C-alpha atoms as a PDB file:
ATOM      1  CA  MET A   1      -5.702  -0.895 -30.562  1.00  0.00           C
ATOM      2  CA  SER A   2      -4.539  -2.597 -27.265  1.00  0.00           C
ATOM      3  CA  LEU A   3      -2.813  -1.010 -24.694  1.00  0.00           C
ATOM      4  CA  ARG A   4       0.918  -2.334 -24.181  1.00  0.00           C
ATOM      5  CA  ILE A   5       1.606  -2.854 -20.244  1.00  0.00           C
ATOM      6  CA  GLY A   6       5.315  -3.463 -19.079  1.00  0.00           C
ATOM      7  CA  PHE A   7       5.718  -5.621 -15.571  1.00  0.00           C
ATOM      8  CA  VAL A   8       8.728  -4.460 -13.295  1.00  0.00           C
ATOM      9  CA  GLY A   9       8.970  -7.176 -10.449  1.00  0.00           C
ATOM     10  CA  THR A  10       7.426 -10.982 -11.074  1.00  0.00           C
ATOM     11  CA  GLY A  11       6.631 -12.008  -7.579  1.00  0.00           C
ATOM     12  CA  GLY A  12       3.301 -13.132  -5.638  1.00  0.00           C
ATOM     13  CA  ILE A  13       1.451  -9.600  -6.785  1.00  0.00           C
ATOM     14  CA  SER A  14       2.919  -9.179  -9.908  1.00  0.00           C
ATOM     15  CA  ARG A  15       0.945 -12.456 -10.947  1.00  0.00           C
ATOM     16  CA  ALA A  16      -2.099 -10.810  -8.912  1.00  0.00           C
ATOM     17  CA  HIS A  17      -2.493  -8.066 -11.263  1.00  0.00           C
ATOM     18  CA  GLN A  18      -0.933 -10.268 -14.684  1.00  0.00           C
ATOM     19  CA  ASP A  19      -4.114 -12.413 -13.782  1.00  0.00           C
ATOM     20  CA  GLN A  20      -6.322  -9.520 -13.994  1.00  0.00           C
ATOM     21  CA  LEU A  21      -5.061  -7.620 -16.862  1.00  0.00           C
ATOM     22  CA  SER A  22      -5.772 -11.064 -18.675  1.00  0.00           C
ATOM     23  CA  ARG A  23      -9.259 -11.078 -18.208  1.00  0.00           C
ATOM     24  CA  MET A  24      -9.274  -7.471 -20.049  1.00  0.00           C
ATOM     25  CA  ASN A  25     -10.057  -7.300 -23.667  1.00  0.00           C
ATOM     26  CA  ASP A  26      -7.451  -5.348 -25.170  1.00  0.00           C
ATOM     27  CA  VAL A  27      -4.563  -5.380 -22.768  1.00  0.00           C
ATOM     28  CA  GLU A  28      -1.593  -7.503 -23.792  1.00  0.00           C
ATOM     29  CA  VAL A  29       1.618  -7.703 -21.225  1.00  0.00           C
ATOM     30  CA  THR A  30       4.708  -7.425 -23.677  1.00  0.00           C
ATOM     31  CA  GLY A  31       7.751  -7.118 -21.715  1.00  0.00           C
ATOM     32  CA  PHE A  32       8.725  -8.123 -17.444  1.00  0.00           C
ATOM     33  CA  VAL A  33      11.834  -7.011 -15.867  1.00  0.00           C
ATOM     34  CA  SER A  34      12.939  -9.192 -12.420  1.00  0.00           C
ATOM     35  CA  GLY A  35      16.279  -8.567  -9.963  1.00  0.00           C
ATOM     36  CA  ASN A  36      16.398 -12.446 -11.412  1.00  0.00           C
ATOM     37  CA  PHE A  37      16.322 -12.695 -15.669  1.00  0.00           C
ATOM     38  CA  ASP A  38      15.407 -15.926 -15.288  1.00  0.00           C
ATOM     39  CA  ASN A  39      12.282 -14.487 -13.518  1.00  0.00           C
ATOM     40  CA  ALA A  40      11.576 -12.377 -15.913  1.00  0.00           C
ATOM     41  CA  VAL A  41      12.054 -15.044 -18.914  1.00  0.00           C
ATOM     42  CA  GLN A  42       9.840 -17.264 -16.790  1.00  0.00           C
ATOM     43  CA  ALA A  43       6.749 -14.495 -16.360  1.00  0.00           C
ATOM     44  CA  ALA A  44       7.415 -13.814 -20.235  1.00  0.00           C
ATOM     45  CA  GLY A  45       6.463 -17.143 -21.085  1.00  0.00           C
ATOM     46  CA  ARG A  46       3.072 -16.882 -19.799  1.00  0.00           C
ATOM     47  CA  TRP A  47       1.830 -14.162 -22.266  1.00  0.00           C
ATOM     48  CA  PRO A  48       2.431 -14.491 -26.142  1.00  0.00           C
ATOM     49  CA  ASN A  49       4.060 -11.364 -27.194  1.00  0.00           C
ATOM     50  CA  ALA A  50       5.736 -10.452 -24.044  1.00  0.00           C
ATOM     51  CA  LYS A  51      10.074 -10.351 -23.712  1.00  0.00           C
ATOM     52  CA  ALA A  52      12.415 -10.387 -21.093  1.00  0.00           C
ATOM     53  CA  TYR A  53      14.621  -7.946 -20.441  1.00  0.00           C
ATOM     54  CA  ALA A  54      17.966  -7.169 -18.036  1.00  0.00           C
ATOM     55  CA  HIS A  55      17.063  -3.799 -17.323  1.00  0.00           C
ATOM     56  CA  VAL A  56      14.473  -1.298 -17.214  1.00  0.00           C
ATOM     57  CA  THR A  57      15.659   0.709 -19.549  1.00  0.00           C
ATOM     58  CA  ASP A  58      16.288  -1.938 -22.386  1.00  0.00           C
ATOM     59  CA  MET A  59      12.224  -2.915 -21.931  1.00  0.00           C
ATOM     60  CA  LEU A  60      11.276   0.986 -22.609  1.00  0.00           C
ATOM     61  CA  ASP A  61      14.224   1.381 -25.679  1.00  0.00           C
ATOM     62  CA  ALA A  62      12.116  -1.647 -27.263  1.00  0.00           C
ATOM     63  CA  GLY A  63       9.186  -0.250 -27.979  1.00  0.00           C
ATOM     64  CA  PRO A  64       6.307   2.238 -26.535  1.00  0.00           C
ATOM     65  CA  LEU A  65       4.390   1.276 -23.210  1.00  0.00           C
ATOM     66  CA  ASP A  66       1.125   2.595 -22.136  1.00  0.00           C
ATOM     67  CA  ALA A  67       2.439   1.687 -18.635  1.00  0.00           C
ATOM     68  CA  VAL A  68       4.058   0.068 -16.352  1.00  0.00           C
ATOM     69  CA  TYR A  69       2.964  -1.714 -13.409  1.00  0.00           C
ATOM     70  CA  ILE A  70       5.875  -1.636 -10.576  1.00  0.00           C
ATOM     71  CA  CYS A  71       5.577  -4.758  -8.336  1.00  0.00           C
ATOM     72  CA  VAL A  72       9.445  -4.677  -6.182  1.00  0.00           C
ATOM     73  CA  PRO A  73      10.368  -4.632  -2.633  1.00  0.00           C
ATOM     74  CA  PRO A  74      10.343  -1.116  -0.636  1.00  0.00           C
ATOM     75  CA  ASP A  75      14.073  -0.536  -1.338  1.00  0.00           C
ATOM     76  CA  ALA A  76      14.113  -1.547  -4.907  1.00  0.00           C
ATOM     77  CA  HIS A  77      12.414   1.755  -5.996  1.00  0.00           C
ATOM     78  CA  GLU A  78      15.601   3.614  -6.931  1.00  0.00           C
ATOM     79  CA  GLY A  79      15.718   5.144 -10.813  1.00  0.00           C
ATOM     80  CA  LEU A  80      12.609   3.212 -11.580  1.00  0.00           C
ATOM     81  CA  GLU A  81       9.142   5.784 -10.910  1.00  0.00           C
ATOM     82  CA  GLU A  82      12.250   8.583 -11.939  1.00  0.00           C
ATOM     83  CA  LEU A  83      12.435   6.948 -15.210  1.00  0.00           C
ATOM     84  CA  LEU A  84       8.734   6.774 -15.843  1.00  0.00           C
ATOM     85  CA  VAL A  85       8.359   9.895 -15.423  1.00  0.00           C
ATOM     86  CA  ASP A  86      11.066  11.359 -17.430  1.00  0.00           C
ATOM     87  CA  ARG A  87       9.505   9.196 -20.694  1.00  0.00           C
ATOM     88  CA  ARG A  88       5.689  10.401 -19.443  1.00  0.00           C
ATOM     89  CA  ILE A  89       4.540   6.818 -18.910  1.00  0.00           C
ATOM     90  CA  PRO A  90       1.911   6.348 -16.153  1.00  0.00           C
ATOM     91  CA  PHE A  91       2.453   3.551 -13.625  1.00  0.00           C
ATOM     92  CA  LEU A  92       0.779   1.763 -10.814  1.00  0.00           C
ATOM     93  CA  VAL A  93       2.996   0.710  -8.078  1.00  0.00           C
ATOM     94  CA  GLU A  94       2.219  -1.504  -4.876  1.00  0.00           C
ATOM     95  CA  LYS A  95       2.701  -0.449  -1.980  1.00  0.00           C
ATOM     96  CA  PRO A  96       4.247   0.741   0.166  1.00  0.00           C
ATOM     97  CA  LEU A  97       6.017   3.198  -1.406  1.00  0.00           C
ATOM     98  CA  ALA A  98       9.664   2.852  -0.127  1.00  0.00           C
ATOM     99  CA  ALA A  99      11.666   2.014   2.784  1.00  0.00           C
ATOM    100  CA  SER A 100      12.559   5.518   3.790  1.00  0.00           C
ATOM    101  CA  TRP A 101      11.505   9.177   3.152  1.00  0.00           C
ATOM    102  CA  ASP A 102      13.717  10.935   0.559  1.00  0.00           C
ATOM    103  CA  LEU A 103      12.927   9.143  -2.469  1.00  0.00           C
ATOM    104  CA  PRO A 104       8.903   9.154  -2.508  1.00  0.00           C
ATOM    105  CA  ALA A 105       9.079  12.850  -1.820  1.00  0.00           C
ATOM    106  CA  ARG A 106      11.388  13.576  -3.944  1.00  0.00           C
ATOM    107  CA  ILE A 107       9.347  11.291  -7.073  1.00  0.00           C
ATOM    108  CA  ALA A 108       6.143  12.447  -5.857  1.00  0.00           C
ATOM    109  CA  ALA A 109       6.713  16.213  -6.721  1.00  0.00           C
ATOM    110  CA  LYS A 110       8.186  15.008 -10.294  1.00  0.00           C
ATOM    111  CA  VAL A 111       4.842  12.860 -10.865  1.00  0.00           C
ATOM    112  CA  GLU A 112       2.893  16.823  -9.690  1.00  0.00           C
ATOM    113  CA  ALA A 113       5.066  18.257 -11.856  1.00  0.00           C
ATOM    114  CA  ALA A 114       4.569  16.717 -14.681  1.00  0.00           C
ATOM    115  CA  GLY A 115       0.961  16.145 -13.942  1.00  0.00           C
ATOM    116  CA  LEU A 116       1.581  11.995 -14.857  1.00  0.00           C
ATOM    117  CA  LEU A 117      -1.759   9.353 -14.224  1.00  0.00           C
ATOM    118  CA  THR A 118      -0.283   7.298 -11.344  1.00  0.00           C
ATOM    119  CA  SER A 119      -2.209   4.227  -9.485  1.00  0.00           C
ATOM    120  CA  VAL A 120      -1.174   3.113  -5.638  1.00  0.00           C
ATOM    121  CA  ALA A 121      -1.789  -0.921  -4.649  1.00  0.00           C
ATOM    122  CA  TYR A 122      -4.280   0.446  -1.912  1.00  0.00           C
ATOM    123  CA  HIS A 123      -6.552  -2.203  -2.838  1.00  0.00           C
ATOM    124  CA  TRP A 124      -8.572  -2.362   0.552  1.00  0.00           C
ATOM    125  CA  ARG A 125     -10.107   1.125  -1.008  1.00  0.00           C
ATOM    126  CA  TYR A 126     -11.932  -0.893  -3.630  1.00  0.00           C
ATOM    127  CA  LEU A 127     -13.345  -3.333  -1.384  1.00  0.00           C
ATOM    128  CA  ASP A 128     -17.565  -3.197  -0.967  1.00  0.00           C
ATOM    129  CA  SER A 129     -17.343  -3.274   2.683  1.00  0.00           C
ATOM    130  CA  VAL A 130     -15.510   0.018   2.981  1.00  0.00           C
ATOM    131  CA  ALA A 131     -17.554   1.654   0.463  1.00  0.00           C
ATOM    132  CA  ALA A 132     -20.507   0.268   2.748  1.00  0.00           C
ATOM    133  CA  ALA A 133     -18.649   1.673   5.681  1.00  0.00           C
ATOM    134  CA  ARG A 134     -17.929   5.250   4.404  1.00  0.00           C
ATOM    135  CA  SER A 135     -21.539   5.544   3.591  1.00  0.00           C
ATOM    136  CA  GLU A 136     -22.557   4.549   7.387  1.00  0.00           C
ATOM    137  CA  LEU A 137     -19.797   7.070   8.720  1.00  0.00           C
ATOM    138  CA  ALA A 138     -21.303   9.949   6.736  1.00  0.00           C
ATOM    139  CA  ASN A 139     -23.321  11.329   9.127  1.00  0.00           C
ATOM    140  CA  THR A 140     -21.333  10.192  12.402  1.00  0.00           C
ATOM    141  CA  ALA A 141     -19.424  11.761  14.863  1.00  0.00           C
ATOM    142  CA  ILE A 142     -16.697   9.141  15.031  1.00  0.00           C
ATOM    143  CA  GLY A 143     -14.807   9.096  18.813  1.00  0.00           C
ATOM    144  CA  LEU A 144     -12.228   6.147  18.632  1.00  0.00           C
ATOM    145  CA  VAL A 145     -11.114   3.989  16.127  1.00  0.00           C
ATOM    146  CA  ASN A 146      -8.631   0.309  16.768  1.00  0.00           C
ATOM    147  CA  GLY A 147      -7.442  -1.096  14.027  1.00  0.00           C
ATOM    148  CA  TYR A 148      -5.646  -4.891  13.382  1.00  0.00           C
ATOM    149  CA  TRP A 149      -3.274  -6.511  11.695  1.00  0.00           C
ATOM    150  CA  MET A 150      -2.920  -9.868  13.328  1.00  0.00           C
ATOM    151  CA  GLY A 151      -1.002 -12.627  11.696  1.00  0.00           C
ATOM    152  CA  THR A 152       2.189 -14.434  10.826  1.00  0.00           C
ATOM    153  CA  MET A 153       5.970 -13.476   9.295  1.00  0.00           C
ATOM    154  CA  PRO A 154       6.483 -13.490   5.339  1.00  0.00           C
ATOM    155  CA  ARG A 155       9.686 -14.919   5.183  1.00  0.00           C
ATOM    156  CA  ALA A 156      10.942 -13.397   2.618  1.00  0.00           C
ATOM    157  CA  GLU A 157      14.394 -12.482   2.988  1.00  0.00           C
ATOM    158  CA  TRP A 158      13.915  -8.620   1.820  1.00  0.00           C
ATOM    159  CA  TRP A 159      11.029  -8.437   4.322  1.00  0.00           C
ATOM    160  CA  ILE A 160      12.592  -9.888   7.669  1.00  0.00           C
ATOM    161  CA  ASN A 161      15.216  -6.852   6.987  1.00  0.00           C
ATOM    162  CA  TYR A 162      13.813  -3.554   8.916  1.00  0.00           C
ATOM    163  CA  ASP A 163      16.359  -1.844   6.470  1.00  0.00           C
ATOM    164  CA  ARG A 164      14.963  -3.256   3.281  1.00  0.00           C
ATOM    165  CA  SER A 165      11.101  -3.129   4.359  1.00  0.00           C
ATOM    166  CA  GLY A 166      10.559  -0.648   6.547  1.00  0.00           C
ATOM    167  CA  GLY A 167       8.944  -3.405   8.445  1.00  0.00           C
ATOM    168  CA  GLN A 168       5.574  -4.833   9.074  1.00  0.00           C
ATOM    169  CA  PHE A 169       3.911  -1.328   9.995  1.00  0.00           C
ATOM    170  CA  VAL A 170       5.683   0.287   6.863  1.00  0.00           C
ATOM    171  CA  GLU A 171       4.955  -3.004   4.377  1.00  0.00           C
ATOM    172  CA  GLN A 172       1.664  -4.472   5.648  1.00  0.00           C
ATOM    173  CA  THR A 173      -0.203  -2.578   7.848  1.00  0.00           C
ATOM    174  CA  THR A 174      -0.191   0.626   5.824  1.00  0.00           C
ATOM    175  CA  HIS A 175      -3.135  -1.004   4.264  1.00  0.00           C
ATOM    176  CA  ILE A 176      -4.642   0.070   7.636  1.00  0.00           C
ATOM    177  CA  VAL A 177      -3.159   3.127   8.161  1.00  0.00           C
ATOM    178  CA  ASP A 178      -4.517   3.928   4.742  1.00  0.00           C
ATOM    179  CA  LEU A 179      -8.009   2.976   5.870  1.00  0.00           C
ATOM    180  CA  LEU A 180      -7.929   5.044   8.569  1.00  0.00           C
ATOM    181  CA  ARG A 181      -7.174   8.632   6.589  1.00  0.00           C
ATOM    182  CA  ASP A 182      -9.461   7.323   3.960  1.00  0.00           C
ATOM    183  CA  LEU A 183     -12.384   6.457   6.098  1.00  0.00           C
ATOM    184  CA  CYS A 184     -11.952   9.052   9.377  1.00  0.00           C
ATOM    185  CA  GLY A 185      -9.751  11.790   8.136  1.00  0.00           C
ATOM    186  CA  GLU A 186      -6.531  13.133   8.588  1.00  0.00           C
ATOM    187  CA  VAL A 187      -3.827  12.252  10.920  1.00  0.00           C
ATOM    188  CA  THR A 188      -1.787  15.170  13.043  1.00  0.00           C
ATOM    189  CA  GLU A 189       0.171  13.719  15.920  1.00  0.00           C
ATOM    190  CA  VAL A 190       1.489  10.275  15.926  1.00  0.00           C
ATOM    191  CA  TYR A 191       3.069   8.094  18.541  1.00  0.00           C
ATOM    192  CA  ALA A 192       4.667   4.479  18.707  1.00  0.00           C
ATOM    193  CA  ALA A 193       6.079   1.375  20.360  1.00  0.00           C
ATOM    194  CA  TYR A 194       7.132  -1.594  19.088  1.00  0.00           C
ATOM    195  CA  SER A 195       8.613  -4.222  20.157  1.00  0.00           C
ATOM    196  CA  GLN A 196      11.200  -7.535  19.371  1.00  0.00           C
ATOM    197  CA  ARG A 197       9.657 -10.743  21.311  1.00  0.00           C
ATOM    198  CA  VAL A 198      10.757 -13.849  19.969  1.00  0.00           C
ATOM    199  CA  MET A 199      10.897 -14.243  15.579  1.00  0.00           C
ATOM    200  CA  HIS A 200      14.773 -12.495  15.753  1.00  0.00           C
ATOM    201  CA  GLU A 201      15.233 -15.490  17.988  1.00  0.00           C
ATOM    202  CA  ARG A 202      13.485 -17.869  15.414  1.00  0.00           C
ATOM    203  CA  VAL A 203      13.971 -16.733  12.522  1.00  0.00           C
ATOM    204  CA  PRO A 204      17.515 -16.065  11.459  1.00  0.00           C
ATOM    205  CA  ARG A 205      18.459 -12.494  10.405  1.00  0.00           C
ATOM    206  CA  THR A 206      15.303 -11.314  10.955  1.00  0.00           C
ATOM    207  CA  THR A 207      15.221  -7.371  12.370  1.00  0.00           C
ATOM    208  CA  VAL A 208      11.965  -6.601  12.192  1.00  0.00           C
ATOM    209  CA  TYR A 209      10.051  -5.766  15.084  1.00  0.00           C
ATOM    210  CA  ASP A 210       7.421  -8.904  15.688  1.00  0.00           C
ATOM    211  CA  VAL A 211       4.727  -6.324  17.882  1.00  0.00           C
ATOM    212  CA  GLY A 212       3.370  -2.834  17.883  1.00  0.00           C
ATOM    213  CA  SER A 213       1.151  -0.258  18.594  1.00  0.00           C
ATOM    214  CA  VAL A 214       0.280   3.193  17.392  1.00  0.00           C
ATOM    215  CA  THR A 215      -1.439   5.932  18.625  1.00  0.00           C
ATOM    216  CA  PHE A 216      -3.073   8.527  16.351  1.00  0.00           C
ATOM    217  CA  LYS A 217      -4.933  11.618  17.338  1.00  0.00           C
ATOM    218  CA  LEU A 218      -7.065  12.722  14.107  1.00  0.00           C
ATOM    219  CA  ALA A 219      -7.539  16.336  12.574  1.00  0.00           C
ATOM    220  CA  SER A 220     -11.107  15.964  13.757  1.00  0.00           C
ATOM    221  CA  GLY A 221     -10.443  15.251  17.661  1.00  0.00           C
ATOM    222  CA  ALA A 222     -11.213  11.348  17.481  1.00  0.00           C
ATOM    223  CA  VAL A 223      -8.206   8.897  18.804  1.00  0.00           C
ATOM    224  CA  ALA A 224      -6.853   5.859  16.394  1.00  0.00           C
ATOM    225  CA  THR A 225      -5.082   2.520  17.733  1.00  0.00           C
ATOM    226  CA  VAL A 226      -3.317   0.265  15.025  1.00  0.00           C
ATOM    227  CA  SER A 227      -2.071  -2.861  16.233  1.00  0.00           C
ATOM    228  CA  ASN A 228      -0.103  -5.236  14.355  1.00  0.00           C
ATOM    229  CA  THR A 229       2.161  -8.359  15.280  1.00  0.00           C
ATOM    230  CA  CYS A 230       3.531 -11.222  13.040  1.00  0.00           C
ATOM    231  CA  LEU A 231       4.333 -13.496  15.909  1.00  0.00           C
ATOM    232  CA  LEU A 232       1.634 -15.655  15.526  1.00  0.00           C
ATOM    233  CA  PRO A 233       1.455 -19.179  14.447  1.00  0.00           C
ATOM    234  CA  HIS A 234      -2.053 -18.610  12.388  1.00  0.00           C
ATOM    235  CA  TYR A 235      -3.468 -15.592  11.062  1.00  0.00           C
ATOM    236  CA  HIS A 236      -6.205 -13.631  13.575  1.00  0.00           C
ATOM    237  CA  LYS A 237      -7.650 -10.749  12.459  1.00  0.00           C
ATOM    238  CA  THR A 238      -6.866  -7.347  10.151  1.00  0.00           C
ATOM    239  CA  GLY A 239      -9.459  -4.597   9.888  1.00  0.00           C
ATOM    240  CA  LEU A 240     -11.282  -1.637  11.903  1.00  0.00           C
ATOM    241  CA  ASP A 241     -13.032  -0.942  14.534  1.00  0.00           C
ATOM    242  CA  VAL A 242     -15.231   2.062  14.372  1.00  0.00           C
ATOM    243  CA  TYR A 243     -16.613   3.652  17.606  1.00  0.00           C
ATOM    244  CA  THR A 244     -18.707   6.455  16.884  1.00  0.00           C
ATOM    245  CA  ASP A 245     -22.067   8.495  18.399  1.00  0.00           C
ATOM    246  CA  LYS A 246     -24.579   5.990  16.458  1.00  0.00           C
ATOM    247  CA  GLY A 247     -22.463   2.509  17.607  1.00  0.00           C
ATOM    248  CA  VAL A 248     -19.654   0.358  16.404  1.00  0.00           C
ATOM    249  CA  ILE A 249     -18.509  -0.612  13.086  1.00  0.00           C
ATOM    250  CA  GLU A 250     -16.842  -3.433  12.911  1.00  0.00           C
ATOM    251  CA  LEU A 251     -14.700  -3.278   8.884  1.00  0.00           C
ATOM    252  CA  ARG A 252     -13.558  -6.384   7.589  1.00  0.00           C
ATOM    253  CA  ASP A 253     -12.041  -7.251   4.314  1.00  0.00           C
ATOM    254  CA  SER A 254     -15.356  -9.134   3.639  1.00  0.00           C
ATOM    255  CA  SER A 255     -17.825  -8.253   5.852  1.00  0.00           C
ATOM    256  CA  MET A 256     -19.082  -5.420   7.552  1.00  0.00           C
ATOM    257  CA  THR A 257     -20.853  -5.975  11.296  1.00  0.00           C
ATOM    258  CA  VAL A 258     -22.880  -2.397  12.516  1.00  0.00           C
ATOM    259  CA  LEU A 259     -23.752  -2.554  16.056  1.00  0.00           C
ATOM    260  CA  GLU A 260     -26.661  -0.306  16.995  1.00  0.00           C
ATOM    261  CA  GLU A 261     -28.354  -0.145  20.606  1.00  0.00           C
ATOM    262  CA  GLY A 262     -30.884  -2.912  19.961  1.00  0.00           C
ATOM    263  CA  ARG A 263     -29.611  -4.120  16.593  1.00  0.00           C
ATOM    264  CA  LYS A 264     -26.862  -5.815  15.035  1.00  0.00           C
ATOM    265  CA  THR A 265     -26.369  -6.103  11.347  1.00  0.00           C
ATOM    266  CA  GLU A 266     -24.161  -8.315   9.258  1.00  0.00           C
ATOM    267  CA  LEU A 267     -23.367  -7.975   5.852  1.00  0.00           C
ATOM    268  CA  ARG A 268     -21.083  -9.988   3.503  1.00  0.00           C
ATOM    269  CA  TYR A 269     -19.288  -9.010   0.372  1.00  0.00           C
ATOM    270  CA  ASP A 270     -17.522 -10.844  -2.079  1.00  0.00           C
ATOM    271  CA  GLY A 271     -14.839  -8.219  -2.009  1.00  0.00           C
ATOM    272  CA  GLN A 272     -13.478  -8.214  -5.976  1.00  0.00           C
ATOM    273  CA  ALA A 273     -10.752  -5.411  -5.021  1.00  0.00           C
ATOM    274  CA  PHE A 274      -8.156  -6.232  -7.220  1.00  0.00           C
ATOM    275  CA  ARG A 275     -10.425  -6.743 -10.553  1.00  0.00           C
ATOM    276  CA  LYS A 276     -11.453  -3.077  -9.675  1.00  0.00           C
ATOM    277  CA  GLU A 277      -7.835  -1.602  -8.826  1.00  0.00           C
ATOM    278  CA  ASN A 278      -6.960  -3.016 -12.339  1.00  0.00           C
ATOM    279  CA  GLU A 279      -9.972  -1.843 -14.010  1.00  0.00           C
ATOM    280  CA  ALA A 280      -9.752   1.985 -12.719  1.00  0.00           C
ATOM    281  CA  PHE A 281      -5.963   2.035 -13.508  1.00  0.00           C
ATOM    282  CA  ILE A 282      -7.029   0.453 -17.088  1.00  0.00           C
ATOM    283  CA  HIS A 283     -10.107   3.184 -17.802  1.00  0.00           C
ATOM    284  CA  ALA A 284      -8.281   6.060 -16.747  1.00  0.00           C
ATOM    285  CA  LEU A 285      -5.344   4.748 -19.159  1.00  0.00           C
ATOM    286  CA  ARG A 286      -8.256   4.653 -22.239  1.00  0.00           C
ATOM    287  CA  THR A 287     -10.133   7.778 -20.915  1.00  0.00           C
ATOM    288  CA  GLY A 288      -7.814  10.035 -19.380  1.00  0.00           C
ATOM    289  CA  ASP A 289     -10.432   9.872 -16.611  1.00  0.00           C
ATOM    290  CA  ARG A 290      -9.106   9.271 -13.230  1.00  0.00           C
ATOM    291  CA  SER A 291     -11.991   9.540 -11.158  1.00  0.00           C
ATOM    292  CA  LEU A 292     -12.211   5.750 -10.345  1.00  0.00           C
ATOM    293  CA  ILE A 293      -8.656   5.785  -8.753  1.00  0.00           C
ATOM    294  CA  ARG A 294      -8.846   5.431  -5.760  1.00  0.00           C
ATOM    295  CA  SER A 295      -5.230   6.514  -4.231  1.00  0.00           C
ATOM    296  CA  ASP A 296      -3.002   7.935  -6.653  1.00  0.00           C
ATOM    297  CA  TYR A 297       0.805   8.933  -6.042  1.00  0.00           C
ATOM    298  CA  ALA A 298       0.468  12.363  -3.977  1.00  0.00           C
ATOM    299  CA  ASP A 299      -2.406  10.758  -1.845  1.00  0.00           C
ATOM    300  CA  ALA A 300      -0.701   7.887  -0.950  1.00  0.00           C
ATOM    301  CA  LEU A 301       2.815   9.936   0.103  1.00  0.00           C
ATOM    302  CA  LYS A 302       0.588  10.816   2.991  1.00  0.00           C
ATOM    303  CA  THR A 303      -0.048   7.353   3.960  1.00  0.00           C
ATOM    304  CA  PHE A 304       3.134   6.678   3.643  1.00  0.00           C
ATOM    305  CA  GLU A 305       4.751   9.892   5.917  1.00  0.00           C
ATOM    306  CA  LEU A 306       2.262   8.109   8.844  1.00  0.00           C
ATOM    307  CA  THR A 307       3.731   4.999   9.054  1.00  0.00           C
ATOM    308  CA  LEU A 308       7.150   6.462   8.523  1.00  0.00           C
ATOM    309  CA  ALA A 309       6.168   8.971  11.205  1.00  0.00           C
ATOM    310  CA  ALA A 310       5.454   5.786  13.422  1.00  0.00           C
ATOM    311  CA  ASN A 311       8.419   3.631  13.195  1.00  0.00           C
ATOM    312  CA  TRP A 312      10.736   6.969  14.541  1.00  0.00           C
ATOM    313  CA  SER A 313       8.386   7.516  16.363  1.00  0.00           C
ATOM    314  CA  ALA A 314       9.014   4.053  17.998  1.00  0.00           C
ATOM    315  CA  ARG A 315      12.871   4.270  17.687  1.00  0.00           C
ATOM    316  CA  THR A 316      13.191   7.769  19.409  1.00  0.00           C
ATOM    317  CA  GLY A 317      10.064   7.506  22.072  1.00  0.00           C
ATOM    318  CA  LYS A 318       8.997  10.534  20.684  1.00  0.00           C
ATOM    319  CA  PRO A 319       5.718  11.777  19.497  1.00  0.00           C
ATOM    320  CA  VAL A 320       5.712  12.854  15.994  1.00  0.00           C
ATOM    321  CA  ARG A 321       3.279  16.127  14.754  1.00  0.00           C
ATOM    322  CA  LEU A 322       3.268  16.017  11.373  1.00  0.00           C
ATOM    323  CA  GLU A 323       3.009  19.626  10.967  1.00  0.00           C
ATOM    324  CA  GLU A 324       6.521  19.918  12.352  1.00  0.00           C
ATOM    325  CA  LYS A 325       9.104  19.609   9.120  1.00  0.00           C
ATOM    326  CA  GLY A 326      12.201  18.403  11.378  1.00  0.00           C
ATOM    327  CA  TRP A 327      11.522  15.182  11.753  1.00  0.00           C
ATOM    328  CA  ARG A 328      11.317  14.142   8.189  1.00  0.00           C
ATOM    329  CA  GLU A 329      15.277  15.131   8.280  1.00  0.00           C
ATOM    330  CA  ASP A 330      16.105  13.277  10.903  1.00  0.00           C
ATOM    331  CA  ALA A 331      14.012   9.722  10.046  1.00  0.00           C
ATOM    332  CA  GLN A 332      15.861  10.614   6.828  1.00  0.00           C
ATOM    333  CA  GLU A 333      19.021  10.626   8.439  1.00  0.00           C
ATOM    334  CA  GLU A 334      18.376   7.277  10.744  1.00  0.00           C
ATOM    335  CA  SER A 335      17.120   5.189   7.575  1.00  0.00           C
END
């Protein structure tokens, strides 16, 4: 029997997931919801048995769904995940989880109580280069990590609005922060500095910061810095450089370079992260085996927390110690 999948959101990332599902046997997309109903109609037209709906409840009431993909901007999650949890419908949700703290924390508690199957689209975790780096780091002492997301500014109205997207560190660089956690361990303290340099003058209505750098103290004792910018006229680089007692690992989406004393090893990978991410979720839906899912909602909440801590630190000029609870309430009040 075919799995029946619904989609909330019809933008580029939604189409990327649909493309992967279209290559799988016994999977059909049957419903679409979008903030623009015409977009939902167009998306539904690309699937033989799909229909467009004006609201999520209309799609859910129309017939049983095995899962829903949520591909919406950070500020558009209110009422979505909680509705699915209440109906016990598994979901895959795009990062970031939201633009502020209260809603994802509430959703995470409900997901845990329901034992619901979830996946969060941190697709970098599925890269072959990341798997290779994980293996290389297994028996090393990590001392220092430098992370990067250096590129251009997306021009979507919601992205350039800090209150709607959370800014570059929350919306984009979250992938690098997630890799830091995945490969190097959990973080205990965060200190950030952001600035608006040029893009707020060049692009009307821009309120996001266009440069930033965040220092992390890790539970292991290692120190990391993750920097980002969206003011460049061209893409530069994304990835992690990890400095260990055995040398340096330079990790990118399609490559890994290992620098050791007297030796340099460069490895190339074809990626296929989106395929593996979707296959893991579909496999879990079919079998109940969640072991292939690299990031569920509870785990992704930890990455989201770090990016919000960075935003709060940049606004206040104060470091954030994750074990201290008060900053979350302050951050929520400011959001």
